[in-house]
PDB file of all heavy atoms in Angstrom:
ATOM      1  N   THR A   1       5.030  13.307   9.367  1.00  0.00           N
ATOM      2  CA  THR A   1       3.657  12.890   9.057  1.00  0.00           C
ATOM      3  C   THR A   1       3.250  11.719   9.948  1.00  0.00           C
ATOM      4  O   THR A   1       2.136  11.697  10.480  1.00  0.00           O
ATOM      5  CB  THR A   1       3.550  12.480   7.571  1.00  0.00           C
ATOM      6  OG1 THR A   1       4.025  13.546   6.764  1.00  0.00           O
ATOM      7  CG2 THR A   1       2.139  12.121   7.193  1.00  0.00           C
ATOM      8  N   ALA A   2       4.146  10.733  10.115  1.00  0.00           N
ATOM      9  CA  ALA A   2       3.855   9.582  10.962  1.00  0.00           C
ATOM     10  C   ALA A   2       3.693  10.004  12.416  1.00  0.00           C
ATOM     11  O   ALA A   2       2.809   9.517  13.119  1.00  0.00           O
ATOM     12  CB  ALA A   2       4.961   8.535  10.833  1.00  0.00           C
ATOM     13  N   LYS A   3       4.540  10.917  12.882  1.00  0.00           N
ATOM     14  CA  LYS A   3       4.434  11.407  14.263  1.00  0.00           C
ATOM     15  C   LYS A   3       3.103  12.100  14.489  1.00  0.00           C
ATOM     16  O   LYS A   3       2.432  11.875  15.505  1.00  0.00           O
ATOM     17  CB  LYS A   3       5.591  12.361  14.572  1.00  0.00           C
ATOM     18  CG  LYS A   3       6.940  11.676  14.643  1.00  0.00           C
ATOM     19  CD  LYS A   3       8.054  12.694  14.864  1.00  0.00           C
ATOM     20  CE  LYS A   3       9.422  12.048  14.826  1.00  0.00           C
ATOM     21  NZ  LYS A   3      10.506  13.007  14.971  1.00  0.00           N
ATOM     22  N   ALA A   4       2.681  12.939  13.528  1.00  0.00           N
ATOM     23  CA  ALA A   4       1.416  13.656  13.654  1.00  0.00           C
ATOM     24  C   ALA A   4       0.232  12.679  13.592  1.00  0.00           C
ATOM     25  O   ALA A   4      -0.735  12.825  14.355  1.00  0.00           O
ATOM     26  CB  ALA A   4       1.310  14.703  12.544  1.00  0.00           C
ATOM     27  N   ALA A   5       0.299  11.675  12.716  1.00  0.00           N
ATOM     28  CA  ALA A   5      -0.796  10.706  12.593  1.00  0.00           C
ATOM     29  C   ALA A   5      -0.938   9.888  13.879  1.00  0.00           C
ATOM     30  O   ALA A   5      -2.060   9.609  14.329  1.00  0.00           O
ATOM     31  CB  ALA A   5      -0.546   9.778  11.405  1.00  0.00           C
ATOM     32  N   TYR A   6       0.182   9.520  14.494  1.00  0.00           N
ATOM     33  CA  TYR A   6       0.130   8.764  15.749  1.00  0.00           C
ATOM     34  C   TYR A   6      -0.471   9.627  16.862  1.00  0.00           C
ATOM     35  O   TYR A   6      -1.292   9.159  17.636  1.00  0.00           O
ATOM     36  CB  TYR A   6       1.530   8.276  16.145  1.00  0.00           C
ATOM     37  CG  TYR A   6       1.543   7.421  17.386  1.00  0.00           C
ATOM     38  CD1 TYR A   6       1.139   6.098  17.331  1.00  0.00           C
ATOM     39  CD2 TYR A   6       1.957   7.936  18.612  1.00  0.00           C
ATOM     40  CE1 TYR A   6       1.148   5.302  18.454  1.00  0.00           C
ATOM     41  CE2 TYR A   6       1.961   7.150  19.749  1.00  0.00           C
ATOM     42  CZ  TYR A   6       1.561   5.822  19.671  1.00  0.00           C
ATOM     43  OH  TYR A   6       1.557   5.034  20.790  1.00  0.00           O
ATOM     44  N   LYS A   7      -0.060  10.876  16.906  1.00  0.00           N
ATOM     45  CA  LYS A   7      -0.586  11.803  17.919  1.00  0.00           C
ATOM     46  C   LYS A   7      -2.094  11.966  17.737  1.00  0.00           C
ATOM     47  O   LYS A   7      -2.844  11.964  18.724  1.00  0.00           O
ATOM     48  CB  LYS A   7       0.132  13.154  17.800  1.00  0.00           C
ATOM     49  CG  LYS A   7      -0.248  14.168  18.830  1.00  0.00           C
ATOM     50  CD  LYS A   7       0.718  14.086  19.954  1.00  0.00           C
ATOM     51  CE  LYS A   7       0.498  15.262  20.887  1.00  0.00           C
ATOM     52  NZ  LYS A   7       1.309  15.131  22.064  1.00  0.00           N
ATOM     53  N   ASP A   8      -2.566  12.094  16.480  1.00  0.00           N
ATOM     54  CA  ASP A   8      -4.004  12.213  16.214  1.00  0.00           C
ATOM     55  C   ASP A   8      -4.750  10.947  16.624  1.00  0.00           C
ATOM     56  O   ASP A   8      -5.849  11.025  17.169  1.00  0.00           O
ATOM     57  CB  ASP A   8      -4.255  12.471  14.722  1.00  0.00           C
ATOM     58  CG  ASP A   8      -3.842  13.869  14.289  1.00  0.00           C
ATOM     59  OD1 ASP A   8      -3.655  14.745  15.168  1.00  0.00           O
ATOM     60  OD2 ASP A   8      -3.710  14.074  13.067  1.00  0.00           O
ATOM     61  N   ALA A   9      -4.169   9.779  16.365  1.00  0.00           N
ATOM     62  CA  ALA A   9      -4.849   8.515  16.633  1.00  0.00           C
ATOM     63  C   ALA A   9      -4.876   8.161  18.114  1.00  0.00           C
ATOM     64  O   ALA A   9      -5.860   7.616  18.605  1.00  0.00           O
ATOM     65  CB  ALA A   9      -4.188   7.390  15.851  1.00  0.00           C
ATOM     66  N   THR A  10      -3.788   8.471  18.852  1.00  0.00           N
ATOM     67  CA  THR A  10      -3.684   8.013  20.242  1.00  0.00           C
ATOM     68  C   THR A  10      -3.620   9.133  21.266  1.00  0.00           C
ATOM     69  O   THR A  10      -3.839   8.895  22.447  1.00  0.00           O
ATOM     70  CB  THR A  10      -2.423   7.147  20.425  1.00  0.00           C
ATOM     71  OG1 THR A  10      -1.268   7.955  20.203  1.00  0.00           O
ATOM     72  CG2 THR A  10      -2.423   5.958  19.492  1.00  0.00           C
ATOM     73  N   GLY A  11      -3.269  10.337  20.834  1.00  0.00           N
ATOM     74  CA  GLY A  11      -3.100  11.436  21.772  1.00  0.00           C
ATOM     75  C   GLY A  11      -1.749  11.412  22.472  1.00  0.00           C
ATOM     76  O   GLY A  11      -1.496  12.222  23.360  1.00  0.00           O
ATOM     77  N   GLU A  12      -0.871  10.503  22.096  1.00  0.00           N
ATOM     78  CA  GLU A  12       0.456  10.379  22.717  1.00  0.00           C
ATOM     79  C   GLU A  12       1.539  10.636  21.674  1.00  0.00           C
ATOM     80  O   GLU A  12       1.292  10.610  20.476  1.00  0.00           O
ATOM     81  CB  GLU A  12       0.636   8.974  23.287  1.00  0.00           C
ATOM     82  CG  GLU A  12      -0.370   8.622  24.360  1.00  0.00           C
ATOM     83  CD  GLU A  12      -0.226   7.177  24.812  1.00  0.00           C
ATOM     84  OE1 GLU A  12       0.735   6.497  24.382  1.00  0.00           O
ATOM     85  OE2 GLU A  12      -1.068   6.731  25.592  1.00  0.00           O
ATOM     86  N   ASP A  13       2.776  10.866  22.178  1.00  0.00           N
ATOM     87  CA  ASP A  13       3.912  11.028  21.278  1.00  0.00           C
ATOM     88  C   ASP A  13       4.370   9.656  20.788  1.00  0.00           C
ATOM     89  O   ASP A  13       4.290   8.664  21.513  1.00  0.00           O
ATOM     90  CB  ASP A  13       5.078  11.723  21.991  1.00  0.00           C
ATOM     91  CG  ASP A  13       4.784  13.194  22.267  1.00  0.00           C
ATOM     92  OD1 ASP A  13       3.993  13.788  21.503  1.00  0.00           O
ATOM     93  OD2 ASP A  13       5.349  13.741  23.230  1.00  0.00           O
ATOM     94  N   LEU A  14       4.864   9.618  19.568  1.00  0.00           N
ATOM     95  CA  LEU A  14       5.358   8.390  18.964  1.00  0.00           C
ATOM     96  C   LEU A  14       6.609   7.918  19.704  1.00  0.00           C
ATOM     97  O   LEU A  14       7.534   8.701  19.930  1.00  0.00           O
ATOM     98  CB  LEU A  14       5.689   8.650  17.487  1.00  0.00           C
ATOM     99  CG  LEU A  14       6.078   7.471  16.633  1.00  0.00           C
ATOM    100  CD1 LEU A  14       4.930   6.478  16.520  1.00  0.00           C
ATOM    101  CD2 LEU A  14       6.469   7.950  15.244  1.00  0.00           C
ATOM    102  N   PRO A  15       6.668   6.631  20.122  1.00  0.00           N
ATOM    103  CA  PRO A  15       7.865   6.125  20.804  1.00  0.00           C
ATOM    104  C   PRO A  15       9.094   6.204  19.891  1.00  0.00           C
ATOM    105  O   PRO A  15       8.979   6.109  18.670  1.00  0.00           O
ATOM    106  CB  PRO A  15       7.527   4.663  21.102  1.00  0.00           C
ATOM    107  CG  PRO A  15       6.048   4.551  20.981  1.00  0.00           C
ATOM    108  CD  PRO A  15       5.618   5.612  20.030  1.00  0.00           C
ATOM    109  N   ALA A  16      10.257   6.360  20.513  1.00  0.00           N
ATOM    110  CA  ALA A  16      11.504   6.419  19.748  1.00  0.00           C
ATOM    111  C   ALA A  16      11.713   5.106  19.006  1.00  0.00           C
ATOM    112  O   ALA A  16      11.294   4.038  19.455  1.00  0.00           O
ATOM    113  CB  ALA A  16      12.679   6.680  20.686  1.00  0.00           C
ATOM    114  N   ASP A  17      12.363   5.156  17.847  1.00  0.00           N
ATOM    115  CA  ASP A  17      12.683   3.993  17.028  1.00  0.00           C
ATOM    116  C   ASP A  17      11.449   3.273  16.481  1.00  0.00           C
ATOM    117  O   ASP A  17      11.506   2.085  16.166  1.00  0.00           O
ATOM    118  CB  ASP A  17      13.567   2.990  17.780  1.00  0.00           C
ATOM    119  CG  ASP A  17      14.889   3.597  18.187  1.00  0.00           C
ATOM    120  OD1 ASP A  17      15.369   4.488  17.476  1.00  0.00           O
ATOM    121  OD2 ASP A  17      15.431   3.167  19.222  1.00  0.00           O
ATOM    122  N   HIS A  18      10.315   3.972  16.407  1.00  0.00           N
ATOM    123  CA  HIS A  18       9.092   3.395  15.853  1.00  0.00           C
ATOM    124  C   HIS A  18       8.494   4.368  14.846  1.00  0.00           C
ATOM    125  O   HIS A  18       8.791   5.553  14.852  1.00  0.00           O
ATOM    126  CB  HIS A  18       8.052   3.130  16.951  1.00  0.00           C
ATOM    127  CG  HIS A  18       8.366   1.937  17.776  1.00  0.00           C
ATOM    128  ND1 HIS A  18       9.321   1.946  18.768  1.00  0.00           N
ATOM    129  CD2 HIS A  18       7.864   0.683  17.754  1.00  0.00           C
ATOM    130  CE1 HIS A  18       9.382   0.761  19.328  1.00  0.00           C
ATOM    131  NE2 HIS A  18       8.502  -0.033  18.730  1.00  0.00           N
ATOM    132  N   THR A  19       7.645   3.831  13.989  1.00  0.00           N
ATOM    133  CA  THR A  19       6.854   4.663  13.092  1.00  0.00           C
ATOM    134  C   THR A  19       5.419   4.182  13.168  1.00  0.00           C
ATOM    135  O   THR A  19       5.136   3.110  13.707  1.00  0.00           O
ATOM    136  CB  THR A  19       7.378   4.629  11.639  1.00  0.00           C
ATOM    137  OG1 THR A  19       6.700   5.638  10.880  1.00  0.00           O
ATOM    138  CG2 THR A  19       7.177   3.280  10.992  1.00  0.00           C
ATOM    139  N   TRP A  20       4.510   4.968  12.661  1.00  0.00           N
ATOM    140  CA  TRP A  20       3.098   4.647  12.703  1.00  0.00           C
ATOM    141  C   TRP A  20       2.633   4.285  11.304  1.00  0.00           C
ATOM    142  O   TRP A  20       2.840   5.036  10.360  1.00  0.00           O
ATOM    143  CB  TRP A  20       2.315   5.846  13.229  1.00  0.00           C
ATOM    144  CG  TRP A  20       0.838   5.647  13.327  1.00  0.00           C
ATOM    145  CD1 TRP A  20      -0.113   6.300  12.621  1.00  0.00           C
ATOM    146  CD2 TRP A  20       0.137   4.778  14.215  1.00  0.00           C
ATOM    147  NE1 TRP A  20      -1.350   5.877  12.991  1.00  0.00           N
ATOM    148  CE2 TRP A  20      -1.233   4.942  13.975  1.00  0.00           C
ATOM    149  CE3 TRP A  20       0.537   3.858  15.169  1.00  0.00           C
ATOM    150  CZ2 TRP A  20      -2.208   4.233  14.664  1.00  0.00           C
ATOM    151  CZ3 TRP A  20      -0.432   3.156  15.857  1.00  0.00           C
ATOM    152  CH2 TRP A  20      -1.785   3.339  15.607  1.00  0.00           C
ATOM    153  N   ARG A  21       2.053   3.112  11.162  1.00  0.00           N
ATOM    154  CA  ARG A  21       1.526   2.673   9.874  1.00  0.00           C
ATOM    155  C   ARG A  21       0.016   2.817   9.901  1.00  0.00           C
ATOM    156  O   ARG A  21      -0.648   2.283  10.782  1.00  0.00           O
ATOM    157  CB  ARG A  21       1.895   1.208   9.605  1.00  0.00           C
ATOM    158  CG  ARG A  21       3.382   0.896   9.616  1.00  0.00           C
ATOM    159  CD  ARG A  21       4.151   1.574   8.508  1.00  0.00           C
ATOM    160  NE  ARG A  21       3.710   1.244   7.179  1.00  0.00           N
ATOM    161  CZ  ARG A  21       4.258   0.330   6.402  1.00  0.00           C
ATOM    162  NH1 ARG A  21       5.298  -0.346   6.820  1.00  0.00           N
ATOM    163  NH2 ARG A  21       3.784   0.104   5.203  1.00  0.00           N
ATOM    164  N   ARG A  22      -0.518   3.537   8.957  1.00  0.00           N
ATOM    165  CA  ARG A  22      -1.973   3.713   8.872  1.00  0.00           C
ATOM    166  C   ARG A  22      -2.624   2.451   8.320  1.00  0.00           C
ATOM    167  O   ARG A  22      -1.967   1.610   7.721  1.00  0.00           O
ATOM    168  CB  ARG A  22      -2.300   4.900   7.973  1.00  0.00           C
ATOM    169  CG  ARG A  22      -1.861   6.198   8.584  1.00  0.00           C
ATOM    170  CD  ARG A  22      -2.299   7.342   7.732  1.00  0.00           C
ATOM    171  NE  ARG A  22      -1.871   8.588   8.357  1.00  0.00           N
ATOM    172  CZ  ARG A  22      -2.192   9.761   7.893  1.00  0.00           C
ATOM    173  NH1 ARG A  22      -2.920   9.889   6.809  1.00  0.00           N
ATOM    174  NH2 ARG A  22      -1.774  10.840   8.508  1.00  0.00           N
ATOM    175  N   ARG A  23      -3.942   2.363   8.486  1.00  0.00           N
ATOM    176  CA  ARG A  23      -4.708   1.244   7.944  1.00  0.00           C
ATOM    177  C   ARG A  23      -4.551   1.243   6.433  1.00  0.00           C
ATOM    178  O   ARG A  23      -4.565   2.296   5.791  1.00  0.00           O
ATOM    179  CB  ARG A  23      -6.177   1.399   8.315  1.00  0.00           C
ATOM    180  CG  ARG A  23      -7.031   0.211   7.964  1.00  0.00           C
ATOM    181  CD  ARG A  23      -8.439   0.416   8.459  1.00  0.00           C
ATOM    182  NE  ARG A  23      -9.118   1.411   7.652  1.00  0.00           N
ATOM    183  CZ  ARG A  23      -9.978   1.128   6.681  1.00  0.00           C
ATOM    184  NH1 ARG A  23     -10.288  -0.114   6.433  1.00  0.00           N
ATOM    185  NH2 ARG A  23     -10.528   2.075   5.978  1.00  0.00           N
ATOM    186  N   SER A  24      -4.367   0.046   5.858  1.00  0.00           N
ATOM    187  CA  SER A  24      -4.178  -0.047   4.419  1.00  0.00           C
ATOM    188  C   SER A  24      -4.678  -1.391   3.914  1.00  0.00           C
ATOM    189  O   SER A  24      -5.054  -2.257   4.695  1.00  0.00           O
ATOM    190  CB  SER A  24      -2.699   0.119   4.063  1.00  0.00           C
ATOM    191  OG  SER A  24      -1.949  -0.918   4.660  1.00  0.00           O
ATOM    192  N   SER A  25      -4.686  -1.543   2.607  1.00  0.00           N
ATOM    193  CA  SER A  25      -5.049  -2.801   1.962  1.00  0.00           C
ATOM    194  C   SER A  25      -3.785  -3.414   1.388  1.00  0.00           C
ATOM    195  O   SER A  25      -2.936  -2.711   0.853  1.00  0.00           O
ATOM    196  CB  SER A  25      -6.042  -2.557   0.830  1.00  0.00           C
ATOM    197  OG  SER A  25      -7.217  -2.006   1.346  1.00  0.00           O
ATOM    198  N   ARG A  26      -3.680  -4.750   1.489  1.00  0.00           N
ATOM    199  CA  ARG A  26      -2.517  -5.466   0.951  1.00  0.00           C
ATOM    200  C   ARG A  26      -2.987  -6.621   0.106  1.00  0.00           C
ATOM    201  O   ARG A  26      -4.080  -7.138   0.294  1.00  0.00           O
ATOM    202  CB  ARG A  26      -1.651  -6.030   2.095  1.00  0.00           C
ATOM    203  CG  ARG A  26      -1.039  -5.039   3.040  1.00  0.00           C
ATOM    204  CD  ARG A  26       0.089  -4.261   2.403  1.00  0.00           C
ATOM    205  NE  ARG A  26       1.110  -5.083   1.809  1.00  0.00           N
ATOM    206  CZ  ARG A  26       2.286  -5.340   2.354  1.00  0.00           C
ATOM    207  NH1 ARG A  26       2.598  -4.839   3.515  1.00  0.00           N
ATOM    208  NH2 ARG A  26       3.159  -6.091   1.717  1.00  0.00           N
ATOM    209  N   GLY A  27      -2.129  -7.069  -0.807  1.00  0.00           N
ATOM    210  CA  GLY A  27      -2.422  -8.231  -1.619  1.00  0.00           C
ATOM    211  C   GLY A  27      -3.367  -7.900  -2.758  1.00  0.00           C
ATOM    212  O   GLY A  27      -3.702  -6.747  -3.011  1.00  0.00           O
ATOM    213  N   GLY A  28      -3.832  -8.914  -3.438  1.00  0.00           N
ATOM    214  CA  GLY A  28      -4.759  -8.739  -4.538  1.00  0.00           C
ATOM    215  C   GLY A  28      -4.105  -8.084  -5.736  1.00  0.00           C
ATOM    216  O   GLY A  28      -2.937  -7.748  -5.746  1.00  0.00           O
ATOM    217  N   SER A  29      -4.887  -7.880  -6.765  1.00  0.00           N
ATOM    218  CA  SER A  29      -4.382  -7.214  -7.959  1.00  0.00           C
ATOM    219  C   SER A  29      -4.359  -5.715  -7.732  1.00  0.00           C
ATOM    220  O   SER A  29      -5.026  -5.185  -6.843  1.00  0.00           O
ATOM    221  CB  SER A  29      -5.268  -7.539  -9.157  1.00  0.00           C
ATOM    222  OG  SER A  29      -6.541  -6.960  -8.972  1.00  0.00           O
ATOM    223  N   SER A  30      -3.618  -4.991  -8.542  1.00  0.00           N
ATOM    224  CA  SER A  30      -3.564  -3.531  -8.396  1.00  0.00           C
ATOM    225  C   SER A  30      -4.930  -2.918  -8.658  1.00  0.00           C
ATOM    226  O   SER A  30      -5.294  -1.912  -8.065  1.00  0.00           O
ATOM    227  CB  SER A  30      -2.511  -2.942  -9.330  1.00  0.00           C
ATOM    228  OG  SER A  30      -2.818  -3.266 -10.669  1.00  0.00           O
ATOM    229  N   GLU A  31      -5.744  -3.538  -9.535  1.00  0.00           N
ATOM    230  CA  GLU A  31      -7.087  -3.026  -9.802  1.00  0.00           C
ATOM    231  C   GLU A  31      -7.965  -3.143  -8.557  1.00  0.00           C
ATOM    232  O   GLU A  31      -8.719  -2.228  -8.238  1.00  0.00           O
ATOM    233  CB  GLU A  31      -7.715  -3.807 -10.957  1.00  0.00           C
ATOM    234  CG  GLU A  31      -7.001  -3.602 -12.271  1.00  0.00           C
ATOM    235  CD  GLU A  31      -7.452  -4.599 -13.323  1.00  0.00           C
ATOM    236  OE1 GLU A  31      -8.378  -5.398 -13.053  1.00  0.00           O
ATOM    237  OE2 GLU A  31      -6.874  -4.580 -14.415  1.00  0.00           O
ATOM    238  N   ALA A  32      -7.861  -4.271  -7.834  1.00  0.00           N
ATOM    239  CA  ALA A  32      -8.664  -4.466  -6.627  1.00  0.00           C
ATOM    240  C   ALA A  32      -8.262  -3.469  -5.558  1.00  0.00           C
ATOM    241  O   ALA A  32      -9.117  -2.910  -4.868  1.00  0.00           O
ATOM    242  CB  ALA A  32      -8.517  -5.886  -6.108  1.00  0.00           C
ATOM    243  N   ARG A  33      -6.962  -3.212  -5.393  1.00  0.00           N
ATOM    244  CA  ARG A  33      -6.514  -2.241  -4.385  1.00  0.00           C
ATOM    245  C   ARG A  33      -7.018  -0.848  -4.730  1.00  0.00           C
ATOM    246  O   ARG A  33      -7.440  -0.112  -3.861  1.00  0.00           O
ATOM    247  CB  ARG A  33      -4.989  -2.240  -4.285  1.00  0.00           C
ATOM    248  CG  ARG A  33      -4.437  -3.413  -3.521  1.00  0.00           C
ATOM    249  CD  ARG A  33      -2.982  -3.192  -3.148  1.00  0.00           C
ATOM    250  NE  ARG A  33      -2.141  -2.876  -4.261  1.00  0.00           N
ATOM    251  CZ  ARG A  33      -1.542  -3.766  -5.057  1.00  0.00           C
ATOM    252  NH1 ARG A  33      -1.704  -5.040  -4.838  1.00  0.00           N
ATOM    253  NH2 ARG A  33      -0.773  -3.389  -6.055  1.00  0.00           N
ATOM    254  N   THR A  34      -6.985  -0.457  -6.008  1.00  0.00           N
ATOM    255  CA  THR A  34      -7.424   0.854  -6.416  1.00  0.00           C
ATOM    256  C   THR A  34      -8.894   1.036  -6.130  1.00  0.00           C
ATOM    257  O   THR A  34      -9.319   2.080  -5.625  1.00  0.00           O
ATOM    258  CB  THR A  34      -7.143   1.064  -7.926  1.00  0.00           C
ATOM    259  OG1 THR A  34      -5.773   0.814  -8.170  1.00  0.00           O
ATOM    260  CG2 THR A  34      -7.495   2.467  -8.360  1.00  0.00           C
ATOM    261  N   SER A  35      -9.716   0.001  -6.395  1.00  0.00           N
ATOM    262  CA  SER A  35     -11.156   0.129  -6.173  1.00  0.00           C
ATOM    263  C   SER A  35     -11.480   0.214  -4.690  1.00  0.00           C
ATOM    264  O   SER A  35     -12.383   0.931  -4.283  1.00  0.00           O
ATOM    265  CB  SER A  35     -11.916  -1.027  -6.823  1.00  0.00           C
ATOM    266  OG  SER A  35     -11.590  -2.239  -6.197  1.00  0.00           O
ATOM    267  N   VAL A  36     -10.742  -0.497  -3.832  1.00  0.00           N
ATOM    268  CA  VAL A  36     -10.989  -0.456  -2.383  1.00  0.00           C
ATOM    269  C   VAL A  36     -10.546   0.907  -1.838  1.00  0.00           C
ATOM    270  O   VAL A  36     -11.232   1.497  -1.013  1.00  0.00           O
ATOM    271  CB  VAL A  36     -10.242  -1.598  -1.653  1.00  0.00           C
ATOM    272  CG1 VAL A  36     -10.284  -1.401  -0.164  1.00  0.00           C
ATOM    273  CG2 VAL A  36     -10.863  -2.929  -2.038  1.00  0.00           C
ATOM    274  N   GLN A  37      -9.396   1.412  -2.277  1.00  0.00           N
ATOM    275  CA  GLN A  37      -8.913   2.690  -1.767  1.00  0.00           C
ATOM    276  C   GLN A  37      -9.803   3.849  -2.210  1.00  0.00           C
ATOM    277  O   GLN A  37      -9.951   4.825  -1.514  1.00  0.00           O
ATOM    278  CB  GLN A  37      -7.474   2.931  -2.243  1.00  0.00           C
ATOM    279  CG  GLN A  37      -6.499   1.988  -1.590  1.00  0.00           C
ATOM    280  CD  GLN A  37      -5.113   2.063  -2.226  1.00  0.00           C
ATOM    281  OE1 GLN A  37      -4.911   2.736  -3.233  1.00  0.00           O
ATOM    282  NE2 GLN A  37      -4.167   1.358  -1.631  1.00  0.00           N
ATOM    283  N   ALA A  38     -10.426   3.719  -3.388  1.00  0.00           N
ATOM    284  CA  ALA A  38     -11.281   4.784  -3.904  1.00  0.00           C
ATOM    285  C   ALA A  38     -12.604   4.831  -3.164  1.00  0.00           C
ATOM    286  O   ALA A  38     -13.229   5.870  -3.049  1.00  0.00           O
ATOM    287  CB  ALA A  38     -11.522   4.589  -5.401  1.00  0.00           C
ATOM    288  N   SER A  39     -13.069   3.702  -2.601  1.00  0.00           N
ATOM    289  CA  SER A  39     -14.341   3.701  -1.902  1.00  0.00           C
ATOM    290  C   SER A  39     -14.178   4.264  -0.501  1.00  0.00           C
ATOM    291  O   SER A  39     -13.132   4.143   0.107  1.00  0.00           O
ATOM    292  CB  SER A  39     -14.896   2.272  -1.842  1.00  0.00           C
ATOM    293  OG  SER A  39     -14.031   1.463  -1.087  1.00  0.00           O
TER     294      SER A  39
END
């Protein structure tokens, strides 16, 4: 999944010994994260 997401985002193959992290929200309360992810 990470390899495919990197290929979609950059058009290149994922470098060895790396993974691709998608955009995400961190911190805050679990309620705040749920509301941001739902929007």
